[in-house]
Amino acid sequence: MRIPLYQVDAFTSQVFAGNPAAVCFLDQWLDDSVLQAIAAENNLSETAFLVRNADGFDLRWFTPVIEVALCGHATLASAFVLFTCKQWPEESIRFQTRKSGELVVTRRGDLLEMDFPARLAYPRTSPEGLNEALSLTPKEVFGSSEDLLVVLDSERNVKAVKPDFVSLERVACRGIIITARGDQSDFVSRFFAPRVGVPEDPVTGSAHCVLIPYWAGKLRKNDLHAFQVSKRGGELFCKYAGERVKIAGKAVLYMEGFITL
């Protein structure tokens, strides 16, 4: 069996930046253990698997250790491959997912815009071990459906955080988003998820489902420009639309080939 494989750097216009994702096209679903083994072998933060359906594609995402409910950069990468390498003829692509409903990606000039569910944050106290693992005292801490949102007082402090990942893995949540007002953008962020095999994710679309409503409220504006200030870095163009958020970015092809099983 030969499975077409593409590796795409998402939320960037140049290779070796943004967030790399693998995109695999299947004729039909393989056993979950095989999908997980492929993702582990790829050893990227996410591998996307697609199967054609009547309206578009069924889409699933795996980290090296688990399947996740929602992934932004691998969705962007999947749409990029379809538009750029597969010559998808329409301006939008519909992806049906198992845990996040239908997701639509639309081509708008040189940007690909994803329509994702908004995830509202709610105030909470810091869970046990969080401050120690991050070596800081947050300005504010919020919960969400999956992740913690930790607000700091400057972009410089977001960039300076050096987590203790062993300790951070013990904190009871999927991942930790840290964020602050940006120096040259509306906001910046980083994302840590050692519990799901991703110590630091370079650029995290799903985290912006939480970040966009939060910063739209704080800044009293719905159109937002964001950077994820990881080592690789990424740029996102965002819009708050009530129960949905729009997350747009660029992508670039790094590699294509085949998996042989």
C-alpha atoms as a PDB file:
ATOM      1  CA  MET A   1       0.000   0.000   0.000  1.00  0.00           C
ATOM      2  CA  ARG A   2       1.267   3.463  -0.948  1.00  0.00           C
ATOM      3  CA  ILE A   3      -0.216   6.458   0.880  1.00  0.00           C
ATOM      4  CA  PRO A   4       0.385   9.927  -0.611  1.00  0.00           C
ATOM      5  CA  LEU A   5       2.138  12.108   1.965  1.00  0.00           C
ATOM      6  CA  TYR A   6       2.723  15.866   1.974  1.00  0.00           C
ATOM      7  CA  GLN A   7       4.544  17.921   4.584  1.00  0.00           C
ATOM      8  CA  VAL A   8       3.464  21.554   4.767  1.00  0.00           C
ATOM      9  CA  ASP A   9       4.664  24.471   6.890  1.00  0.00           C
ATOM     10  CA  ALA A  10       1.485  26.279   7.986  1.00  0.00           C
ATOM     11  CA  PHE A  11       0.954  29.908   9.041  1.00  0.00           C
ATOM     12  CA  THR A  12       4.046  31.030   7.138  1.00  0.00           C
ATOM     13  CA  SER A  13       5.122  31.814   3.582  1.00  0.00           C
ATOM     14  CA  GLN A  14       8.600  30.293   3.904  1.00  0.00           C
ATOM     15  CA  VAL A  15       9.900  26.833   4.709  1.00  0.00           C
ATOM     16  CA  PHE A  16      11.507  26.130   8.075  1.00  0.00           C
ATOM     17  CA  ALA A  17       9.041  28.478   9.784  1.00  0.00           C
ATOM     18  CA  GLY A  18       5.430  28.147  10.921  1.00  0.00           C
ATOM     19  CA  ASN A  19       4.120  24.773  12.042  1.00  0.00           C
ATOM     20  CA  PRO A  20       4.920  21.636  10.025  1.00  0.00           C
ATOM     21  CA  ALA A  21       2.070  19.179   9.467  1.00  0.00           C
ATOM     22  CA  ALA A  22       1.847  15.922   7.551  1.00  0.00           C
ATOM     23  CA  VAL A  23      -1.146  15.400   5.249  1.00  0.00           C
ATOM     24  CA  CYS A  24      -2.061  11.846   4.202  1.00  0.00           C
ATOM     25  CA  PHE A  25      -4.733  10.890   1.650  1.00  0.00           C
ATOM     26  CA  LEU A  26      -6.516   7.555   2.169  1.00  0.00           C
ATOM     27  CA  ASP A  27      -8.945   5.654  -0.050  1.00  0.00           C
ATOM     28  CA  GLN A  28     -10.710   4.449   3.104  1.00  0.00           C
ATOM     29  CA  TRP A  29     -10.085   4.561   6.829  1.00  0.00           C
ATOM     30  CA  LEU A  30      -7.380   2.284   8.174  1.00  0.00           C
ATOM     31  CA  ASP A  31      -7.386   0.874  11.686  1.00  0.00           C
ATOM     32  CA  ASP A  32      -6.811   3.560  14.314  1.00  0.00           C
ATOM     33  CA  SER A  33      -3.663   1.784  15.500  1.00  0.00           C
ATOM     34  CA  VAL A  34      -2.157   2.180  12.009  1.00  0.00           C
ATOM     35  CA  LEU A  35      -3.081   5.874  11.859  1.00  0.00           C
ATOM     36  CA  GLN A  36      -1.494   6.409  15.274  1.00  0.00           C
ATOM     37  CA  ALA A  37       1.643   4.514  14.233  1.00  0.00           C
ATOM     38  CA  ILE A  38       1.989   6.688  11.103  1.00  0.00           C
ATOM     39  CA  ALA A  39       1.637   9.849  13.200  1.00  0.00           C
ATOM     40  CA  ALA A  40       4.250   8.565  15.646  1.00  0.00           C
ATOM     41  CA  GLU A  41       6.594   7.736  12.767  1.00  0.00           C
ATOM     42  CA  ASN A  42       6.111  11.199  11.246  1.00  0.00           C
ATOM     43  CA  ASN A  43       6.912  12.662  14.680  1.00  0.00           C
ATOM     44  CA  LEU A  44       5.315  16.029  13.913  1.00  0.00           C
ATOM     45  CA  SER A  45       2.900  17.786  16.240  1.00  0.00           C
ATOM     46  CA  GLU A  46       0.028  16.710  13.937  1.00  0.00           C
ATOM     47  CA  THR A  47      -0.640  14.355  11.052  1.00  0.00           C
ATOM     48  CA  ALA A  48      -3.902  14.889   9.145  1.00  0.00           C
ATOM     49  CA  PHE A  49      -5.701  12.009   7.435  1.00  0.00           C
ATOM     50  CA  LEU A  50      -8.304  12.637   4.733  1.00  0.00           C
ATOM     51  CA  VAL A  51     -10.895  10.415   3.028  1.00  0.00           C
ATOM     52  CA  ARG A  52     -13.068  11.756   0.193  1.00  0.00           C
ATOM     53  CA  ASN A  53     -16.824  12.022   0.839  1.00  0.00           C
ATOM     54  CA  ALA A  54     -19.767  13.312  -1.182  1.00  0.00           C
ATOM     55  CA  ASP A  55     -19.320  16.967  -0.120  1.00  0.00           C
ATOM     56  CA  GLY A  56     -15.582  17.212   0.501  1.00  0.00           C
ATOM     57  CA  PHE A  57     -13.422  15.216   2.891  1.00  0.00           C
ATOM     58  CA  ASP A  58     -13.600  13.450   6.218  1.00  0.00           C
ATOM     59  CA  LEU A  59     -10.705  14.720   8.329  1.00  0.00           C
ATOM     60  CA  ARG A  60      -8.945  13.407  11.438  1.00  0.00           C
ATOM     61  CA  TRP A  61      -5.805  14.583  13.248  1.00  0.00           C
ATOM     62  CA  PHE A  62      -3.260  12.649  15.333  1.00  0.00           C
ATOM     63  CA  THR A  63      -0.333  13.824  17.460  1.00  0.00           C
ATOM     64  CA  PRO A  64       2.472  11.290  17.977  1.00  0.00           C
ATOM     65  CA  VAL A  65       0.508   9.856  20.924  1.00  0.00           C
ATOM     66  CA  ILE A  66      -3.256  10.591  20.606  1.00  0.00           C
ATOM     67  CA  GLU A  67      -6.076  11.644  18.276  1.00  0.00           C
ATOM     68  CA  VAL A  68      -7.230  15.226  18.924  1.00  0.00           C
ATOM     69  CA  ALA A  69     -10.649  16.847  18.604  1.00  0.00           C
ATOM     70  CA  LEU A  70      -9.521  19.931  16.658  1.00  0.00           C
ATOM     71  CA  CYS A  71      -6.353  21.076  14.912  1.00  0.00           C
ATOM     72  CA  GLY A  72      -5.878  24.313  13.024  1.00  0.00           C
ATOM     73  CA  HIS A  73      -2.493  24.125  11.335  1.00  0.00           C
ATOM     74  CA  ALA A  74      -3.035  20.620   9.932  1.00  0.00           C
ATOM     75  CA  THR A  75      -6.446  21.726   8.593  1.00  0.00           C
ATOM     76  CA  LEU A  76      -4.777  24.705   6.921  1.00  0.00           C
ATOM     77  CA  ALA A  77      -2.093  22.369   5.548  1.00  0.00           C
ATOM     78  CA  SER A  78      -4.741  19.971   4.205  1.00  0.00           C
ATOM     79  CA  ALA A  79      -6.562  22.772   2.398  1.00  0.00           C
ATOM     80  CA  PHE A  80      -3.275  24.101   1.010  1.00  0.00           C
ATOM     81  CA  VAL A  81      -2.437  20.704  -0.498  1.00  0.00           C
ATOM     82  CA  LEU A  82      -5.910  20.401  -2.027  1.00  0.00           C
ATOM     83  CA  PHE A  83      -5.844  23.903  -3.531  1.00  0.00           C
ATOM     84  CA  THR A  84      -2.201  23.904  -4.615  1.00  0.00           C
ATOM     85  CA  CYS A  85      -1.247  20.295  -5.380  1.00  0.00           C
ATOM     86  CA  LYS A  86      -4.627  18.722  -6.172  1.00  0.00           C
ATOM     87  CA  GLN A  87      -6.131  21.707  -8.062  1.00  0.00           C
ATOM     88  CA  TRP A  88      -9.350  21.770  -6.028  1.00  0.00           C
ATOM     89  CA  PRO A  89     -11.724  23.659  -8.376  1.00  0.00           C
ATOM     90  CA  GLU A  90     -13.923  25.523  -5.876  1.00  0.00           C
ATOM     91  CA  GLU A  91     -13.160  28.456  -3.585  1.00  0.00           C
ATOM     92  CA  SER A  92     -14.085  26.532  -0.412  1.00  0.00           C
ATOM     93  CA  ILE A  93     -13.456  23.027   0.928  1.00  0.00           C
ATOM     94  CA  ARG A  94     -15.714  21.311   3.456  1.00  0.00           C
ATOM     95  CA  PHE A  95     -14.142  19.022   6.037  1.00  0.00           C
ATOM     96  CA  GLN A  96     -16.319  16.756   8.158  1.00  0.00           C
ATOM     97  CA  THR A  97     -14.759  15.951  11.536  1.00  0.00           C
ATOM     98  CA  ARG A  98     -15.726  13.514  14.277  1.00  0.00           C
ATOM     99  CA  LYS A  99     -15.619  15.873  17.245  1.00  0.00           C
ATOM    100  CA  SER A 100     -15.727  19.438  15.878  1.00  0.00           C
ATOM    101  CA  GLY A 101     -18.461  19.234  13.249  1.00  0.00           C
ATOM    102  CA  GLU A 102     -18.047  20.691   9.774  1.00  0.00           C
ATOM    103  CA  LEU A 103     -15.072  22.970   9.149  1.00  0.00           C
ATOM    104  CA  VAL A 104     -14.831  25.102   6.008  1.00  0.00           C
ATOM    105  CA  VAL A 105     -11.652  26.553   4.528  1.00  0.00           C
ATOM    106  CA  THR A 106     -11.994  29.332   1.923  1.00  0.00           C
ATOM    107  CA  ARG A 107      -9.331  30.730  -0.378  1.00  0.00           C
ATOM    108  CA  ARG A 108      -9.137  34.541  -0.063  1.00  0.00           C
ATOM    109  CA  GLY A 109      -6.299  35.857  -2.229  1.00  0.00           C
ATOM    110  CA  ASP A 110      -3.046  34.504  -0.847  1.00  0.00           C
ATOM    111  CA  LEU A 111      -4.656  33.572   2.484  1.00  0.00           C
ATOM    112  CA  LEU A 112      -6.589  30.460   3.460  1.00  0.00           C
ATOM    113  CA  GLU A 113      -9.357  31.259   5.952  1.00  0.00           C
ATOM    114  CA  MET A 114     -10.660  28.598   8.333  1.00  0.00           C
ATOM    115  CA  ASP A 115     -14.140  28.781   9.897  1.00  0.00           C
ATOM    116  CA  PHE A 116     -13.807  27.248  13.387  1.00  0.00           C
ATOM    117  CA  PRO A 117     -15.945  27.119  16.550  1.00  0.00           C
ATOM    118  CA  ALA A 118     -15.316  29.826  19.145  1.00  0.00           C
ATOM    119  CA  ARG A 119     -14.324  28.569  22.590  1.00  0.00           C
ATOM    120  CA  LEU A 120     -15.074  31.016  25.374  1.00  0.00           C
ATOM    121  CA  ALA A 121     -12.730  31.375  28.342  1.00  0.00           C
ATOM    122  CA  TYR A 122     -13.943  31.619  31.941  1.00  0.00           C
ATOM    123  CA  PRO A 123     -12.039  32.949  34.985  1.00  0.00           C
ATOM    124  CA  ARG A 124     -10.525  30.395  37.329  1.00  0.00           C
ATOM    125  CA  THR A 125      -7.701  30.002  39.815  1.00  0.00           C
ATOM    126  CA  SER A 126      -4.349  28.578  38.799  1.00  0.00           C
ATOM    127  CA  PRO A 127      -4.391  24.777  39.049  1.00  0.00           C
ATOM    128  CA  GLU A 128      -1.878  23.074  41.286  1.00  0.00           C
ATOM    129  CA  GLY A 129       1.639  23.182  39.895  1.00  0.00           C
ATOM    130  CA  LEU A 130       1.007  25.631  37.029  1.00  0.00           C
ATOM    131  CA  ASN A 131       2.876  28.651  38.394  1.00  0.00           C
ATOM    132  CA  GLU A 132       5.819  26.499  39.464  1.00  0.00           C
ATOM    133  CA  ALA A 133       6.015  24.740  36.067  1.00  0.00           C
ATOM    134  CA  LEU A 134       6.031  28.094  34.234  1.00  0.00           C
ATOM    135  CA  SER A 135       8.187  29.857  36.874  1.00  0.00           C
ATOM    136  CA  LEU A 136       5.852  32.861  36.950  1.00  0.00           C
ATOM    137  CA  THR A 137       2.764  34.369  38.539  1.00  0.00           C
ATOM    138  CA  PRO A 138       0.138  35.026  35.828  1.00  0.00           C
ATOM    139  CA  LYS A 139      -1.753  38.268  35.495  1.00  0.00           C
ATOM    140  CA  GLU A 140      -4.936  36.206  34.935  1.00  0.00           C
ATOM    141  CA  VAL A 141      -5.834  32.532  34.406  1.00  0.00           C
ATOM    142  CA  PHE A 142      -8.834  31.241  32.486  1.00  0.00           C
ATOM    143  CA  GLY A 143     -10.241  27.829  31.675  1.00  0.00           C
ATOM    144  CA  SER A 144     -11.802  26.682  28.410  1.00  0.00           C
ATOM    145  CA  SER A 145     -13.233  23.477  26.979  1.00  0.00           C
ATOM    146  CA  GLU A 146      -9.764  21.894  26.716  1.00  0.00           C
ATOM    147  CA  ASP A 147      -6.963  24.334  27.501  1.00  0.00           C
ATOM    148  CA  LEU A 148      -5.856  26.836  30.120  1.00  0.00           C
ATOM    149  CA  LEU A 149      -5.384  30.454  29.063  1.00  0.00           C
ATOM    150  CA  VAL A 150      -2.617  32.217  30.994  1.00  0.00           C
ATOM    151  CA  VAL A 151      -2.406  35.994  30.522  1.00  0.00           C
ATOM    152  CA  LEU A 152       0.920  37.784  31.035  1.00  0.00           C
ATOM    153  CA  ASP A 153       1.719  41.486  31.047  1.00  0.00           C
ATOM    154  CA  SER A 154       4.030  41.764  28.005  1.00  0.00           C
ATOM    155  CA  GLU A 155       5.212  40.124  24.801  1.00  0.00           C
ATOM    156  CA  ARG A 156       8.713  40.046  26.251  1.00  0.00           C
ATOM    157  CA  ASN A 157       7.544  37.921  29.170  1.00  0.00           C
ATOM    158  CA  VAL A 158       5.709  35.523  26.853  1.00  0.00           C
ATOM    159  CA  LYS A 159       8.897  35.028  24.851  1.00  0.00           C
ATOM    160  CA  ALA A 160      10.976  34.565  28.012  1.00  0.00           C
ATOM    161  CA  VAL A 161       8.970  31.659  29.466  1.00  0.00           C
ATOM    162  CA  LYS A 162      11.010  28.445  29.798  1.00  0.00           C
ATOM    163  CA  PRO A 163       8.630  25.779  31.118  1.00  0.00           C
ATOM    164  CA  ASP A 164       9.586  22.755  33.156  1.00  0.00           C
ATOM    165  CA  PHE A 165       7.850  20.284  30.844  1.00  0.00           C
ATOM    166  CA  VAL A 166       8.001  17.387  33.285  1.00  0.00           C
ATOM    167  CA  SER A 167       6.136  19.480  35.859  1.00  0.00           C
ATOM    168  CA  LEU A 168       3.828  20.984  33.219  1.00  0.00           C
ATOM    169  CA  GLU A 169       2.726  17.501  32.143  1.00  0.00           C
ATOM    170  CA  ARG A 170       1.237  17.031  35.631  1.00  0.00           C
ATOM    171  CA  VAL A 171      -1.058  20.072  35.292  1.00  0.00           C
ATOM    172  CA  ALA A 172      -4.637  18.883  34.707  1.00  0.00           C
ATOM    173  CA  CYS A 173      -5.485  20.149  31.203  1.00  0.00           C
ATOM    174  CA  ARG A 174      -4.800  19.299  27.559  1.00  0.00           C
ATOM    175  CA  GLY A 175      -2.578  22.308  26.960  1.00  0.00           C
ATOM    176  CA  ILE A 176      -1.535  25.706  28.251  1.00  0.00           C
ATOM    177  CA  ILE A 177      -1.859  28.886  26.168  1.00  0.00           C
ATOM    178  CA  ILE A 178       0.202  31.857  27.330  1.00  0.00           C
ATOM    179  CA  THR A 179      -0.612  35.256  25.840  1.00  0.00           C
ATOM    180  CA  ALA A 180      -0.133  39.022  26.090  1.00  0.00           C
ATOM    181  CA  ARG A 181      -0.676  42.206  24.076  1.00  0.00           C
ATOM    182  CA  GLY A 182       1.700  42.285  21.128  1.00  0.00           C
ATOM    183  CA  ASP A 183       4.321  44.939  20.456  1.00  0.00           C
ATOM    184  CA  GLN A 184       3.624  44.902  16.699  1.00  0.00           C
ATOM    185  CA  SER A 185       0.332  42.996  16.647  1.00  0.00           C
ATOM    186  CA  ASP A 186      -2.885  42.820  18.634  1.00  0.00           C
ATOM    187  CA  PHE A 187      -1.679  39.838  20.657  1.00  0.00           C
ATOM    188  CA  VAL A 188       0.967  37.139  20.844  1.00  0.00           C
ATOM    189  CA  SER A 189       0.883  33.627  22.243  1.00  0.00           C
ATOM    190  CA  ARG A 190       2.704  30.352  22.822  1.00  0.00           C
ATOM    191  CA  PHE A 191       1.225  26.896  23.402  1.00  0.00           C
ATOM    192  CA  PHE A 192       2.483  23.965  25.481  1.00  0.00           C
ATOM    193  CA  ALA A 193       0.903  20.495  25.453  1.00  0.00           C
ATOM    194  CA  PRO A 194       3.315  17.887  26.861  1.00  0.00           C
ATOM    195  CA  ARG A 195       0.394  15.693  27.919  1.00  0.00           C
ATOM    196  CA  VAL A 196      -0.433  14.973  24.262  1.00  0.00           C
ATOM    197  CA  GLY A 197       3.160  14.596  23.079  1.00  0.00           C
ATOM    198  CA  VAL A 198       3.719  18.215  21.981  1.00  0.00           C
ATOM    199  CA  PRO A 199       5.981  20.053  24.466  1.00  0.00           C
ATOM    200  CA  GLU A 200       5.689  23.324  22.510  1.00  0.00           C
ATOM    201  CA  ASP A 201       3.567  23.668  19.381  1.00  0.00           C
ATOM    202  CA  PRO A 202       5.046  26.205  16.926  1.00  0.00           C
ATOM    203  CA  VAL A 203       1.699  27.690  15.784  1.00  0.00           C
ATOM    204  CA  THR A 204      -1.646  26.507  17.149  1.00  0.00           C
ATOM    205  CA  GLY A 205      -4.860  27.222  15.264  1.00  0.00           C
ATOM    206  CA  SER A 206      -7.129  25.582  17.842  1.00  0.00           C
ATOM    207  CA  ALA A 207      -5.700  27.764  20.636  1.00  0.00           C
ATOM    208  CA  HIS A 208      -6.925  30.788  18.692  1.00  0.00           C
ATOM    209  CA  CYS A 209     -10.494  29.524  19.104  1.00  0.00           C
ATOM    210  CA  VAL A 210      -9.967  30.652  22.717  1.00  0.00           C
ATOM    211  CA  LEU A 211      -7.620  33.572  22.086  1.00  0.00           C
ATOM    212  CA  ILE A 212      -9.781  35.378  19.519  1.00  0.00           C
ATOM    213  CA  PRO A 213     -12.916  35.772  21.701  1.00  0.00           C
ATOM    214  CA  TYR A 214     -10.768  36.764  24.672  1.00  0.00           C
ATOM    215  CA  TRP A 215      -8.811  39.469  22.851  1.00  0.00           C
ATOM    216  CA  ALA A 216     -11.841  40.663  20.863  1.00  0.00           C
ATOM    217  CA  GLY A 217     -13.477  41.418  24.199  1.00  0.00           C
ATOM    218  CA  LYS A 218     -10.398  43.009  25.735  1.00  0.00           C
ATOM    219  CA  LEU A 219      -9.563  45.170  22.723  1.00  0.00           C
ATOM    220  CA  ARG A 220     -13.161  45.804  21.654  1.00  0.00           C
ATOM    221  CA  LYS A 221     -12.463  44.876  18.036  1.00  0.00           C
ATOM    222  CA  ASN A 222     -13.362  41.814  15.967  1.00  0.00           C
ATOM    223  CA  ASP A 223     -10.530  41.882  13.402  1.00  0.00           C
ATOM    224  CA  LEU A 224      -7.253  40.874  15.002  1.00  0.00           C
ATOM    225  CA  HIS A 225      -3.648  40.339  13.907  1.00  0.00           C
ATOM    226  CA  ALA A 226      -1.658  37.782  15.873  1.00  0.00           C
ATOM    227  CA  PHE A 227       1.759  36.151  16.086  1.00  0.00           C
ATOM    228  CA  GLN A 228       2.670  32.928  17.821  1.00  0.00           C
ATOM    229  CA  VAL A 229       6.137  33.724  19.131  1.00  0.00           C
ATOM    230  CA  SER A 230       7.632  30.238  19.261  1.00  0.00           C
ATOM    231  CA  LYS A 231      11.140  29.633  17.903  1.00  0.00           C
ATOM    232  CA  ARG A 232       9.726  28.932  14.399  1.00  0.00           C
ATOM    233  CA  GLY A 233       7.011  31.584  14.691  1.00  0.00           C
ATOM    234  CA  GLY A 234       3.779  32.079  12.766  1.00  0.00           C
ATOM    235  CA  GLU A 235       1.364  34.812  11.667  1.00  0.00           C
ATOM    236  CA  LEU A 236      -2.427  34.648  11.899  1.00  0.00           C
ATOM    237  CA  PHE A 237      -5.193  36.937  10.658  1.00  0.00           C
ATOM    238  CA  CYS A 238      -8.243  36.527  12.860  1.00  0.00           C
ATOM    239  CA  LYS A 239     -11.876  37.571  13.105  1.00  0.00           C
ATOM    240  CA  TYR A 240     -14.398  37.063  15.893  1.00  0.00           C
ATOM    241  CA  ALA A 241     -17.850  36.154  14.553  1.00  0.00           C
ATOM    242  CA  GLY A 242     -19.950  35.261  17.605  1.00  0.00           C
ATOM    243  CA  GLU A 243     -20.143  31.490  17.889  1.00  0.00           C
ATOM    244  CA  ARG A 244     -17.461  31.113  15.203  1.00  0.00           C
ATOM    245  CA  VAL A 245     -13.969  32.457  14.602  1.00  0.00           C
ATOM    246  CA  LYS A 246     -12.143  32.987  11.322  1.00  0.00           C
ATOM    247  CA  ILE A 247      -8.455  32.066  11.329  1.00  0.00           C
ATOM    248  CA  ALA A 248      -6.458  32.816   8.193  1.00  0.00           C
ATOM    249  CA  GLY A 249      -2.871  32.263   7.200  1.00  0.00           C
ATOM    250  CA  LYS A 250      -0.450  31.215   4.511  1.00  0.00           C
ATOM    251  CA  ALA A 251       1.292  27.892   3.938  1.00  0.00           C
ATOM    252  CA  VAL A 252       4.160  26.455   1.907  1.00  0.00           C
ATOM    253  CA  LEU A 253       4.982  22.943   0.681  1.00  0.00           C
ATOM    254  CA  TYR A 254       8.133  21.401   2.138  1.00  0.00           C
ATOM    255  CA  MET A 255       7.981  17.786   0.940  1.00  0.00           C
ATOM    256  CA  GLU A 256       5.844  15.258  -0.919  1.00  0.00           C
ATOM    257  CA  GLY A 257       6.167  11.524  -1.324  1.00  0.00           C
ATOM    258  CA  PHE A 258       4.607   8.214  -0.292  1.00  0.00           C
ATOM    259  CA  ILE A 259       4.302   6.061   2.805  1.00  0.00           C
ATOM    260  CA  THR A 260       4.823   2.383   1.949  1.00  0.00           C
ATOM    261  CA  LEU A 261       3.024  -0.151   4.145  1.00  0.00           C
END
